Amino acid sequence: MTAGRIYILICFLVASGLGQAQSAGGSALTTAEYRAEIDRLLSATQQLDSSGSPVPQPLCDLPQNWRVATDQRTFEISTEGLQRDVRRYEKEKNVANAAAIRARLQSLRGDLDGFETAPPDVTMSRAKLSTILTRPEFRDVHGPTWLDRFKQRLLAFVLHILERMFRSTAIPTISKFFVYGLMAIAVLVLGYFAYRSIFVGNNFETVIPKDLPVSAKEWMIWHREARDAAAKGEWRDAIHLAYWAGISFLERQGTWKPDRARTPREYLRLSSSSEYRETLTALTQIFELAWYAKRGASEKTFSQTLEALEKLGCH
């Protein structure tokens, strides 16, 4: 073996040894160390409240993930979402983005506390939720009646006839006064139906439907409105808007056909075979307790809602 080849072999062995030494140096954290790290980052977020303040160094030095060793197994907890929130704050320093960072850290802290404690008994909560869903407002939800559909078809038929009349090639042979008379009658008829729709028949459906599907508004708009509500401390409204962001996202993905008349429980039934079933179930429970039962709406539950949206793909 030549001296050049021996030199190359020695360099390769030294580099391999250094790589193994570096990989062996990254030891996993204990749950106590992981809790202390989260608390340290939470403490650093207090500096984000003042407008224009720079990002604290601990939040800039985040690893790609944390390795946490427990008695059962070793977990790898990604910091991708937290880093994304930090980058968003660097671009736009405001209270909402600062609250998002704090909410995510509190969610991680809550996940750790939940892992170390026994799962709570949800029998009473489930019974209360079932009682809420038996209320009259859920039983009476339905789509347009046959009378509403008949009115809409009749109006469409009248408009179709008028359109054919005014596009007919026979119009030049008709007296101009007769044509103007038909136009005046058409305007009066349309004005009458418009008056009935706005001031008389609250249930009358106009040519343009009043209730558009949830996905008619982009999920990103719902999501931004939810964050704006959270910035004002309106947690119940924030959770409500975040829930509809998730529904709009799934509807845009083609999980189900748009229908404004559906209840949250009907959306759950439609997602029974979807990969998002478990995440949507958790999101629905948070929404129903906060919106219908009027309890549990807080910064923590809003952060849990944001976590659920990220699992759906809303980020």
C-alpha atoms as a PDB file:
ATOM      1  CA  MET A   1       0.000   0.000   0.000  1.00  0.00           C
ATOM      2  CA  THR A   2       1.415   3.381  -0.977  1.00  0.00           C
ATOM      3  CA  ALA A   3       1.957   6.209   1.468  1.00  0.00           C
ATOM      4  CA  GLY A   4      -0.766   8.322  -0.217  1.00  0.00           C
ATOM      5  CA  ARG A   5      -3.369   5.612   0.258  1.00  0.00           C
ATOM      6  CA  ILE A   6      -2.354   5.099   3.898  1.00  0.00           C
ATOM      7  CA  TYR A   7      -2.747   8.841   4.511  1.00  0.00           C
ATOM      8  CA  ILE A   8      -6.250   8.874   2.967  1.00  0.00           C
ATOM      9  CA  LEU A   9      -7.276   5.860   5.082  1.00  0.00           C
ATOM     10  CA  ILE A  10      -6.057   7.510   8.296  1.00  0.00           C
ATOM     11  CA  CYS A  11      -8.019  10.705   7.498  1.00  0.00           C
ATOM     12  CA  PHE A  12     -11.159   8.694   6.841  1.00  0.00           C
ATOM     13  CA  LEU A  13     -10.881   6.827  10.171  1.00  0.00           C
ATOM     14  CA  VAL A  14     -10.292  10.048  12.111  1.00  0.00           C
ATOM     15  CA  ALA A  15     -13.349  11.717  10.498  1.00  0.00           C
ATOM     16  CA  SER A  16     -15.517   8.692  11.278  1.00  0.00           C
ATOM     17  CA  GLY A  17     -14.406   8.713  14.901  1.00  0.00           C
ATOM     18  CA  LEU A  18     -15.208  12.410  15.247  1.00  0.00           C
ATOM     19  CA  GLY A  19     -18.685  11.903  13.715  1.00  0.00           C
ATOM     20  CA  GLN A  20     -19.446   9.062  16.131  1.00  0.00           C
ATOM     21  CA  ALA A  21     -18.233  11.114  19.064  1.00  0.00           C
ATOM     22  CA  GLN A  22     -20.467  14.029  18.062  1.00  0.00           C
ATOM     23  CA  SER A  23     -23.519  11.802  17.599  1.00  0.00           C
ATOM     24  CA  ALA A  24     -22.916  10.149  20.962  1.00  0.00           C
ATOM     25  CA  GLY A  25     -22.707  13.522  22.665  1.00  0.00           C
ATOM     26  CA  GLY A  26     -26.379  14.456  22.108  1.00  0.00           C
ATOM     27  CA  SER A  27     -28.016  12.762  25.097  1.00  0.00           C
ATOM     28  CA  ALA A  28     -31.766  12.725  25.700  1.00  0.00           C
ATOM     29  CA  LEU A  29     -33.420  14.997  28.279  1.00  0.00           C
ATOM     30  CA  THR A  30     -35.282  13.726  31.275  1.00  0.00           C
ATOM     31  CA  THR A  31     -38.843  14.899  31.788  1.00  0.00           C
ATOM     32  CA  ALA A  32     -37.655  17.234  34.549  1.00  0.00           C
ATOM     33  CA  GLU A  33     -35.005  18.752  32.253  1.00  0.00           C
ATOM     34  CA  TYR A  34     -37.542  19.096  29.458  1.00  0.00           C
ATOM     35  CA  ARG A  35     -39.982  20.851  31.806  1.00  0.00           C
ATOM     36  CA  ALA A  36     -37.236  23.227  32.926  1.00  0.00           C
ATOM     37  CA  GLU A  37     -36.406  24.017  29.282  1.00  0.00           C
ATOM     38  CA  ILE A  38     -40.053  24.816  28.468  1.00  0.00           C
ATOM     39  CA  ASP A  39     -40.318  27.004  31.585  1.00  0.00           C
ATOM     40  CA  ARG A  40     -37.145  28.834  30.559  1.00  0.00           C
ATOM     41  CA  LEU A  41     -38.592  29.565  27.128  1.00  0.00           C
ATOM     42  CA  LEU A  42     -41.920  30.646  28.641  1.00  0.00           C
ATOM     43  CA  SER A  43     -40.067  33.072  30.858  1.00  0.00           C
ATOM     44  CA  ALA A  44     -38.280  34.444  27.789  1.00  0.00           C
ATOM     45  CA  THR A  45     -41.594  35.140  26.042  1.00  0.00           C
ATOM     46  CA  GLN A  46     -42.416  37.826  28.629  1.00  0.00           C
ATOM     47  CA  GLN A  47     -40.003  40.056  26.712  1.00  0.00           C
ATOM     48  CA  LEU A  48     -42.156  39.825  23.570  1.00  0.00           C
ATOM     49  CA  ASP A  49     -45.063  41.849  24.960  1.00  0.00           C
ATOM     50  CA  SER A  50     -43.496  45.248  24.344  1.00  0.00           C
ATOM     51  CA  SER A  51     -43.861  46.322  20.713  1.00  0.00           C
ATOM     52  CA  GLY A  52     -40.720  46.131  18.625  1.00  0.00           C
ATOM     53  CA  SER A  53     -38.666  44.188  21.162  1.00  0.00           C
ATOM     54  CA  PRO A  54     -36.157  41.748  19.639  1.00  0.00           C
ATOM     55  CA  VAL A  55     -36.576  38.004  19.940  1.00  0.00           C
ATOM     56  CA  PRO A  56     -34.868  36.670  23.108  1.00  0.00           C
ATOM     57  CA  GLN A  57     -31.800  34.533  22.451  1.00  0.00           C
ATOM     58  CA  PRO A  58     -33.273  31.298  23.917  1.00  0.00           C
ATOM     59  CA  LEU A  59     -36.013  31.414  21.291  1.00  0.00           C
ATOM     60  CA  CYS A  60     -33.448  31.953  18.538  1.00  0.00           C
ATOM     61  CA  ASP A  61     -31.320  28.960  19.604  1.00  0.00           C
ATOM     62  CA  LEU A  62     -34.019  26.303  19.331  1.00  0.00           C
ATOM     63  CA  PRO A  63     -32.853  22.822  18.258  1.00  0.00           C
ATOM     64  CA  GLN A  64     -34.570  20.930  15.468  1.00  0.00           C
ATOM     65  CA  ASN A  65     -36.197  18.716  18.084  1.00  0.00           C
ATOM     66  CA  TRP A  66     -35.999  17.665  21.726  1.00  0.00           C
ATOM     67  CA  ARG A  67     -35.270  14.058  22.659  1.00  0.00           C
ATOM     68  CA  VAL A  68     -37.049  13.234  25.924  1.00  0.00           C
ATOM     69  CA  ALA A  69     -36.465   9.910  27.661  1.00  0.00           C
ATOM     70  CA  THR A  70     -39.197   8.429  29.893  1.00  0.00           C
ATOM     71  CA  ASP A  71     -39.567   5.106  31.614  1.00  0.00           C
ATOM     72  CA  GLN A  72     -41.574   3.750  28.695  1.00  0.00           C
ATOM     73  CA  ARG A  73     -39.716   5.112  25.655  1.00  0.00           C
ATOM     74  CA  THR A  74     -37.782   8.033  24.163  1.00  0.00           C
ATOM     75  CA  PHE A  75     -39.747  10.742  22.361  1.00  0.00           C
ATOM     76  CA  GLU A  76     -38.601  13.205  19.709  1.00  0.00           C
ATOM     77  CA  ILE A  77     -40.576  16.454  19.978  1.00  0.00           C
ATOM     78  CA  SER A  78     -40.289  18.684  16.909  1.00  0.00           C
ATOM     79  CA  THR A  79     -39.808  22.438  17.293  1.00  0.00           C
ATOM     80  CA  GLU A  80     -40.833  23.214  13.715  1.00  0.00           C
ATOM     81  CA  GLY A  81     -44.129  24.849  14.709  1.00  0.00           C
ATOM     82  CA  LEU A  82     -42.478  26.916  17.444  1.00  0.00           C
ATOM     83  CA  GLN A  83     -39.749  28.073  15.068  1.00  0.00           C
ATOM     84  CA  ARG A  84     -42.400  29.055  12.543  1.00  0.00           C
ATOM     85  CA  ASP A  85     -44.189  31.168  15.199  1.00  0.00           C
ATOM     86  CA  VAL A  86     -40.883  32.833  16.099  1.00  0.00           C
ATOM     87  CA  ARG A  87     -40.201  33.670  12.446  1.00  0.00           C
ATOM     88  CA  ARG A  88     -43.704  35.112  12.140  1.00  0.00           C
ATOM     89  CA  TYR A  89     -43.041  37.330  15.174  1.00  0.00           C
ATOM     90  CA  GLU A  90     -39.732  38.504  13.683  1.00  0.00           C
ATOM     91  CA  LYS A  91     -41.584  39.641  10.534  1.00  0.00           C
ATOM     92  CA  GLU A  92     -44.494  41.254  12.383  1.00  0.00           C
ATOM     93  CA  LYS A  93     -44.011  42.083  16.055  1.00  0.00           C
ATOM     94  CA  ASN A  94     -47.471  42.287  17.595  1.00  0.00           C
ATOM     95  CA  VAL A  95     -49.398  40.933  20.564  1.00  0.00           C
ATOM     96  CA  ALA A  96     -51.160  38.212  18.531  1.00  0.00           C
ATOM     97  CA  ASN A  97     -47.922  36.637  17.289  1.00  0.00           C
ATOM     98  CA  ALA A  98     -46.385  36.875  20.760  1.00  0.00           C
ATOM     99  CA  ALA A  99     -49.471  35.173  22.210  1.00  0.00           C
ATOM    100  CA  ALA A 100     -49.147  32.394  19.616  1.00  0.00           C
ATOM    101  CA  ILE A 101     -45.585  31.615  20.765  1.00  0.00           C
ATOM    102  CA  ARG A 102     -46.655  31.606  24.405  1.00  0.00           C
ATOM    103  CA  ALA A 103     -49.707  29.489  23.656  1.00  0.00           C
ATOM    104  CA  ARG A 104     -47.629  26.875  21.838  1.00  0.00           C
ATOM    105  CA  LEU A 105     -45.165  26.596  24.716  1.00  0.00           C
ATOM    106  CA  GLN A 106     -48.012  26.321  27.204  1.00  0.00           C
ATOM    107  CA  SER A 107     -49.485  23.586  25.049  1.00  0.00           C
ATOM    108  CA  LEU A 108     -46.196  21.671  25.160  1.00  0.00           C
ATOM    109  CA  ARG A 109     -46.112  22.160  28.922  1.00  0.00           C
ATOM    110  CA  GLY A 110     -49.697  20.916  29.180  1.00  0.00           C
ATOM    111  CA  ASP A 111     -48.890  17.853  27.047  1.00  0.00           C
ATOM    112  CA  LEU A 112     -46.078  16.976  29.427  1.00  0.00           C
ATOM    113  CA  ASP A 113     -48.314  17.394  32.485  1.00  0.00           C
ATOM    114  CA  GLY A 114     -50.997  15.306  30.831  1.00  0.00           C
ATOM    115  CA  PHE A 115     -48.495  12.563  30.012  1.00  0.00           C
ATOM    116  CA  GLU A 116     -47.390  12.330  33.616  1.00  0.00           C
ATOM    117  CA  THR A 117     -50.906  12.242  35.078  1.00  0.00           C
ATOM    118  CA  ALA A 118     -53.582   9.618  34.742  1.00  0.00           C
ATOM    119  CA  PRO A 119     -56.275  10.396  32.140  1.00  0.00           C
ATOM    120  CA  PRO A 120     -59.305  12.132  33.704  1.00  0.00           C
ATOM    121  CA  ASP A 121     -62.740  10.570  33.883  1.00  0.00           C
ATOM    122  CA  VAL A 122     -64.761  12.169  31.066  1.00  0.00           C
ATOM    123  CA  THR A 123     -68.008  10.348  31.777  1.00  0.00           C
ATOM    124  CA  MET A 124     -69.696  13.433  33.247  1.00  0.00           C
ATOM    125  CA  SER A 125     -68.452  15.676  30.435  1.00  0.00           C
ATOM    126  CA  ARG A 126     -69.696  13.238  27.826  1.00  0.00           C
ATOM    127  CA  ALA A 127     -73.114  13.125  29.497  1.00  0.00           C
ATOM    128  CA  LYS A 128     -73.313  16.948  29.560  1.00  0.00           C
ATOM    129  CA  LEU A 129     -72.304  17.110  25.902  1.00  0.00           C
ATOM    130  CA  SER A 130     -74.994  14.589  24.968  1.00  0.00           C
ATOM    131  CA  THR A 131     -77.538  16.696  26.858  1.00  0.00           C
ATOM    132  CA  ILE A 132     -76.496  19.783  24.905  1.00  0.00           C
ATOM    133  CA  LEU A 133     -76.907  17.982  21.584  1.00  0.00           C
ATOM    134  CA  THR A 134     -80.496  17.009  22.446  1.00  0.00           C
ATOM    135  CA  ARG A 135     -81.601  20.643  22.669  1.00  0.00           C
ATOM    136  CA  PRO A 136     -84.242  21.913  20.191  1.00  0.00           C
ATOM    137  CA  GLU A 137     -81.802  24.092  18.240  1.00  0.00           C
ATOM    138  CA  PHE A 138     -80.055  20.960  16.987  1.00  0.00           C
ATOM    139  CA  ARG A 139     -83.236  19.045  16.118  1.00  0.00           C
ATOM    140  CA  ASP A 140     -84.711  21.851  14.008  1.00  0.00           C
ATOM    141  CA  VAL A 141     -81.691  22.446  11.776  1.00  0.00           C
ATOM    142  CA  HIS A 142     -82.576  21.592   8.188  1.00  0.00           C
ATOM    143  CA  GLY A 143     -81.988  22.715   4.630  1.00  0.00           C
ATOM    144  CA  PRO A 144     -84.373  24.668   2.358  1.00  0.00           C
ATOM    145  CA  THR A 145     -87.991  23.429   2.444  1.00  0.00           C
ATOM    146  CA  TRP A 146     -89.906  22.333  -0.663  1.00  0.00           C
ATOM    147  CA  LEU A 147     -91.692  25.705  -0.665  1.00  0.00           C
ATOM    148  CA  ASP A 148     -88.386  27.582  -0.663  1.00  0.00           C
ATOM    149  CA  ARG A 149     -87.127  25.482  -3.587  1.00  0.00           C
ATOM    150  CA  PHE A 150     -90.399  26.026  -5.477  1.00  0.00           C
ATOM    151  CA  LYS A 151     -90.090  29.820  -5.092  1.00  0.00           C
ATOM    152  CA  GLN A 152     -86.523  29.763  -6.325  1.00  0.00           C
ATOM    153  CA  ARG A 153     -87.406  27.643  -9.389  1.00  0.00           C
ATOM    154  CA  LEU A 154     -90.400  29.870 -10.193  1.00  0.00           C
ATOM    155  CA  LEU A 155     -88.240  32.987 -10.090  1.00  0.00           C
ATOM    156  CA  ALA A 156     -85.597  31.317 -12.271  1.00  0.00           C
ATOM    157  CA  PHE A 157     -88.295  30.318 -14.774  1.00  0.00           C
ATOM    158  CA  VAL A 158     -89.643  33.897 -15.002  1.00  0.00           C
ATOM    159  CA  LEU A 159     -86.155  35.274 -15.539  1.00  0.00           C
ATOM    160  CA  HIS A 160     -85.484  32.659 -18.215  1.00  0.00           C
ATOM    161  CA  ILE A 161     -88.682  33.597 -20.103  1.00  0.00           C
ATOM    162  CA  LEU A 162     -87.858  37.313 -19.946  1.00  0.00           C
ATOM    163  CA  GLU A 163     -84.334  36.644 -21.171  1.00  0.00           C
ATOM    164  CA  ARG A 164     -85.592  34.670 -24.167  1.00  0.00           C
ATOM    165  CA  MET A 165     -88.123  37.367 -25.000  1.00  0.00           C
ATOM    166  CA  PHE A 166     -85.574  40.171 -25.037  1.00  0.00           C
ATOM    167  CA  ARG A 167     -83.063  38.138 -27.061  1.00  0.00           C
ATOM    168  CA  SER A 168     -85.588  37.036 -29.692  1.00  0.00           C
ATOM    169  CA  THR A 169     -85.004  38.101 -33.306  1.00  0.00           C
ATOM    170  CA  ALA A 170     -88.679  39.041 -33.523  1.00  0.00           C
ATOM    171  CA  ILE A 171     -88.224  42.089 -31.300  1.00  0.00           C
ATOM    172  CA  PRO A 172     -87.340  44.496 -34.167  1.00  0.00           C
ATOM    173  CA  THR A 173     -90.760  43.816 -35.718  1.00  0.00           C
ATOM    174  CA  ILE A 174     -92.654  44.743 -32.574  1.00  0.00           C
ATOM    175  CA  SER A 175     -93.654  48.271 -31.804  1.00  0.00           C
ATOM    176  CA  LYS A 176     -91.084  50.069 -29.689  1.00  0.00           C
ATOM    177  CA  PHE A 177     -93.806  51.075 -27.236  1.00  0.00           C
ATOM    178  CA  PHE A 178     -94.725  47.452 -26.650  1.00  0.00           C
ATOM    179  CA  VAL A 179     -91.075  46.597 -26.037  1.00  0.00           C
ATOM    180  CA  TYR A 180     -90.697  49.448 -23.567  1.00  0.00           C
ATOM    181  CA  GLY A 181     -93.886  48.310 -21.866  1.00  0.00           C
ATOM    182  CA  LEU A 182     -92.508  44.778 -21.450  1.00  0.00           C
ATOM    183  CA  MET A 183     -89.278  46.178 -20.023  1.00  0.00           C
ATOM    184  CA  ALA A 184     -91.220  48.309 -17.531  1.00  0.00           C
ATOM    185  CA  ILE A 185     -93.311  45.308 -16.448  1.00  0.00           C
ATOM    186  CA  ALA A 186     -90.160  43.233 -16.011  1.00  0.00           C
ATOM    187  CA  VAL A 187     -88.584  45.938 -13.847  1.00  0.00           C
ATOM    188  CA  LEU A 188     -91.723  46.186 -11.721  1.00  0.00           C
ATOM    189  CA  VAL A 189     -91.915  42.405 -11.261  1.00  0.00           C
ATOM    190  CA  LEU A 190     -88.266  42.178 -10.249  1.00  0.00           C
ATOM    191  CA  GLY A 191     -88.688  45.144  -7.914  1.00  0.00           C
ATOM    192  CA  TYR A 192     -91.695  43.482  -6.302  1.00  0.00           C
ATOM    193  CA  PHE A 193     -89.811  40.221  -5.702  1.00  0.00           C
ATOM    194  CA  ALA A 194     -86.808  42.152  -4.363  1.00  0.00           C
ATOM    195  CA  TYR A 195     -89.084  44.034  -1.951  1.00  0.00           C
ATOM    196  CA  ARG A 196     -90.676  40.771  -0.805  1.00  0.00           C
ATOM    197  CA  SER A 197     -87.273  39.197  -0.294  1.00  0.00           C
ATOM    198  CA  ILE A 198     -85.826  42.024   1.786  1.00  0.00           C
ATOM    199  CA  PHE A 199     -88.737  43.450   3.760  1.00  0.00           C
ATOM    200  CA  VAL A 200     -91.517  40.833   3.815  1.00  0.00           C
ATOM    201  CA  GLY A 201     -90.373  37.235   3.448  1.00  0.00           C
ATOM    202  CA  ASN A 202     -87.424  36.589   5.714  1.00  0.00           C
ATOM    203  CA  ASN A 203     -87.342  32.975   4.592  1.00  0.00           C
ATOM    204  CA  PHE A 204     -87.596  33.792   0.850  1.00  0.00           C
ATOM    205  CA  GLU A 205     -84.480  32.768  -1.015  1.00  0.00           C
ATOM    206  CA  THR A 206     -83.165  35.251  -3.581  1.00  0.00           C
ATOM    207  CA  VAL A 207     -81.336  34.469  -6.817  1.00  0.00           C
ATOM    208  CA  ILE A 208     -78.045  34.688  -4.945  1.00  0.00           C
ATOM    209  CA  PRO A 209     -78.293  32.363  -1.879  1.00  0.00           C
ATOM    210  CA  LYS A 210     -78.022  34.148   1.426  1.00  0.00           C
ATOM    211  CA  ASP A 211     -76.235  31.330   3.256  1.00  0.00           C
ATOM    212  CA  LEU A 212     -73.068  30.426   1.423  1.00  0.00           C
ATOM    213  CA  PRO A 213     -71.092  27.278   2.332  1.00  0.00           C
ATOM    214  CA  VAL A 214     -68.323  27.586   4.900  1.00  0.00           C
ATOM    215  CA  SER A 215     -65.648  27.044   2.256  1.00  0.00           C
ATOM    216  CA  ALA A 216     -66.851  30.145   0.377  1.00  0.00           C
ATOM    217  CA  LYS A 217     -64.536  32.001   2.765  1.00  0.00           C
ATOM    218  CA  GLU A 218     -60.940  30.775   2.604  1.00  0.00           C
ATOM    219  CA  TRP A 219     -59.745  28.907   5.684  1.00  0.00           C
ATOM    220  CA  MET A 220     -56.817  31.321   5.939  1.00  0.00           C
ATOM    221  CA  ILE A 221     -59.280  34.201   6.466  1.00  0.00           C
ATOM    222  CA  TRP A 222     -61.072  32.254   9.232  1.00  0.00           C
ATOM    223  CA  HIS A 223     -57.641  31.496  10.744  1.00  0.00           C
ATOM    224  CA  ARG A 224     -56.530  35.148  10.665  1.00  0.00           C
ATOM    225  CA  GLU A 225     -59.803  36.302  12.240  1.00  0.00           C
ATOM    226  CA  ALA A 226     -59.332  33.696  14.975  1.00  0.00           C
ATOM    227  CA  ARG A 227     -55.872  35.051  15.770  1.00  0.00           C
ATOM    228  CA  ASP A 228     -57.200  38.623  15.800  1.00  0.00           C
ATOM    229  CA  ALA A 229     -59.888  37.590  18.301  1.00  0.00           C
ATOM    230  CA  ALA A 230     -57.247  35.842  20.418  1.00  0.00           C
ATOM    231  CA  ALA A 231     -55.143  39.004  20.434  1.00  0.00           C
ATOM    232  CA  LYS A 232     -58.114  40.805  22.020  1.00  0.00           C
ATOM    233  CA  GLY A 233     -58.536  38.061  24.614  1.00  0.00           C
ATOM    234  CA  GLU A 234     -61.861  36.948  23.086  1.00  0.00           C
ATOM    235  CA  TRP A 235     -61.076  33.253  23.464  1.00  0.00           C
ATOM    236  CA  ARG A 236     -64.607  31.968  22.845  1.00  0.00           C
ATOM    237  CA  ASP A 237     -64.856  33.806  19.519  1.00  0.00           C
ATOM    238  CA  ALA A 238     -61.298  32.777  18.634  1.00  0.00           C
ATOM    239  CA  ILE A 239     -62.106  29.081  19.141  1.00  0.00           C
ATOM    240  CA  HIS A 240     -65.346  29.486  17.157  1.00  0.00           C
ATOM    241  CA  LEU A 241     -63.522  31.047  14.190  1.00  0.00           C
ATOM    242  CA  ALA A 242     -60.667  28.530  14.358  1.00  0.00           C
ATOM    243  CA  TYR A 243     -63.147  25.633  14.231  1.00  0.00           C
ATOM    244  CA  TRP A 244     -64.704  26.964  11.021  1.00  0.00           C
ATOM    245  CA  ALA A 245     -61.217  27.430   9.581  1.00  0.00           C
ATOM    246  CA  GLY A 246     -60.712  23.668   9.969  1.00  0.00           C
ATOM    247  CA  ILE A 247     -64.127  22.903   8.424  1.00  0.00           C
ATOM    248  CA  SER A 248     -63.424  25.249   5.489  1.00  0.00           C
ATOM    249  CA  PHE A 249     -60.011  23.604   4.946  1.00  0.00           C
ATOM    250  CA  LEU A 250     -61.437  20.064   4.904  1.00  0.00           C
ATOM    251  CA  GLU A 251     -64.304  21.140   2.664  1.00  0.00           C
ATOM    252  CA  ARG A 252     -61.838  22.691   0.196  1.00  0.00           C
ATOM    253  CA  GLN A 253     -59.922  19.363   0.254  1.00  0.00           C
ATOM    254  CA  GLY A 254     -63.072  17.579  -0.935  1.00  0.00           C
ATOM    255  CA  THR A 255     -63.730  15.653   2.307  1.00  0.00           C
ATOM    256  CA  TRP A 256     -67.455  16.319   1.798  1.00  0.00           C
ATOM    257  CA  LYS A 257     -69.780  18.305  -0.454  1.00  0.00           C
ATOM    258  CA  PRO A 258     -70.503  21.873   0.771  1.00  0.00           C
ATOM    259  CA  ASP A 259     -73.772  22.311   2.686  1.00  0.00           C
ATOM    260  CA  ARG A 260     -74.309  25.284   5.012  1.00  0.00           C
ATOM    261  CA  ALA A 261     -77.094  23.532   6.964  1.00  0.00           C
ATOM    262  CA  ARG A 262     -74.862  20.889   8.573  1.00  0.00           C
ATOM    263  CA  THR A 263     -74.223  20.695  12.320  1.00  0.00           C
ATOM    264  CA  PRO A 264     -70.811  19.896  13.828  1.00  0.00           C
ATOM    265  CA  ARG A 265     -71.967  16.340  14.551  1.00  0.00           C
ATOM    266  CA  GLU A 266     -72.918  15.838  10.902  1.00  0.00           C
ATOM    267  CA  TYR A 267     -69.424  16.924   9.844  1.00  0.00           C
ATOM    268  CA  LEU A 268     -68.048  14.276  12.198  1.00  0.00           C
ATOM    269  CA  ARG A 269     -70.208  11.571  10.637  1.00  0.00           C
ATOM    270  CA  LEU A 270     -69.074  12.570   7.149  1.00  0.00           C
ATOM    271  CA  SER A 271     -65.415  12.226   8.227  1.00  0.00           C
ATOM    272  CA  SER A 272     -65.857   8.717   9.675  1.00  0.00           C
ATOM    273  CA  SER A 273     -63.600   7.169   7.013  1.00  0.00           C
ATOM    274  CA  SER A 274     -61.188  10.110   6.812  1.00  0.00           C
ATOM    275  CA  GLU A 275     -57.671  10.187   8.216  1.00  0.00           C
ATOM    276  CA  TYR A 276     -58.652  13.411  10.002  1.00  0.00           C
ATOM    277  CA  ARG A 277     -61.440  11.751  12.029  1.00  0.00           C
ATOM    278  CA  GLU A 278     -59.577  11.727  15.380  1.00  0.00           C
ATOM    279  CA  THR A 279     -58.272  15.289  15.028  1.00  0.00           C
ATOM    280  CA  LEU A 280     -61.675  16.634  13.946  1.00  0.00           C
ATOM    281  CA  THR A 281     -63.296  14.888  16.927  1.00  0.00           C
ATOM    282  CA  ALA A 282     -60.965  16.685  19.356  1.00  0.00           C
ATOM    283  CA  LEU A 283     -61.489  20.014  17.560  1.00  0.00           C
ATOM    284  CA  THR A 284     -65.284  19.579  17.684  1.00  0.00           C
ATOM    285  CA  GLN A 285     -65.289  18.798  21.414  1.00  0.00           C
ATOM    286  CA  ILE A 286     -63.280  21.942  22.197  1.00  0.00           C
ATOM    287  CA  PHE A 287     -65.587  24.031  19.997  1.00  0.00           C
ATOM    288  CA  GLU A 288     -68.853  22.655  21.440  1.00  0.00           C
ATOM    289  CA  LEU A 289     -67.765  23.094  25.047  1.00  0.00           C
ATOM    290  CA  ALA A 290     -66.531  26.651  24.420  1.00  0.00           C
ATOM    291  CA  TRP A 291     -69.321  27.830  22.103  1.00  0.00           C
ATOM    292  CA  TYR A 292     -72.474  25.973  23.142  1.00  0.00           C
ATOM    293  CA  ALA A 293     -71.706  25.065  26.766  1.00  0.00           C
ATOM    294  CA  LYS A 294     -69.926  28.429  27.262  1.00  0.00           C
ATOM    295  CA  ARG A 295     -67.141  27.015  29.382  1.00  0.00           C
ATOM    296  CA  GLY A 296     -63.500  26.115  28.964  1.00  0.00           C
ATOM    297  CA  ALA A 297     -62.638  28.999  26.615  1.00  0.00           C
ATOM    298  CA  SER A 298     -59.138  30.175  27.523  1.00  0.00           C
ATOM    299  CA  GLU A 299     -55.720  30.768  26.076  1.00  0.00           C
ATOM    300  CA  LYS A 300     -54.857  27.128  26.733  1.00  0.00           C
ATOM    301  CA  THR A 301     -57.886  25.728  24.899  1.00  0.00           C
ATOM    302  CA  PHE A 302     -57.235  28.122  22.008  1.00  0.00           C
ATOM    303  CA  SER A 303     -53.671  26.813  21.771  1.00  0.00           C
ATOM    304  CA  GLN A 304     -55.080  23.263  21.706  1.00  0.00           C
ATOM    305  CA  THR A 305     -57.350  24.368  18.870  1.00  0.00           C
ATOM    306  CA  LEU A 306     -54.350  25.698  16.932  1.00  0.00           C
ATOM    307  CA  GLU A 307     -52.547  22.386  17.504  1.00  0.00           C
ATOM    308  CA  ALA A 308     -55.532  20.509  16.071  1.00  0.00           C
ATOM    309  CA  LEU A 309     -55.610  22.815  13.029  1.00  0.00           C
ATOM    310  CA  GLU A 310     -51.944  22.133  12.378  1.00  0.00           C
ATOM    311  CA  LYS A 311     -52.599  18.394  12.459  1.00  0.00           C
ATOM    312  CA  LEU A 312     -55.280  18.947   9.803  1.00  0.00           C
ATOM    313  CA  GLY A 313     -52.774  20.857   7.679  1.00  0.00           C
ATOM    314  CA  CYS A 314     -53.815  24.444   8.464  1.00  0.00           C
ATOM    315  CA  HIS A 315     -50.504  26.247   8.999  1.00  0.00           C
END
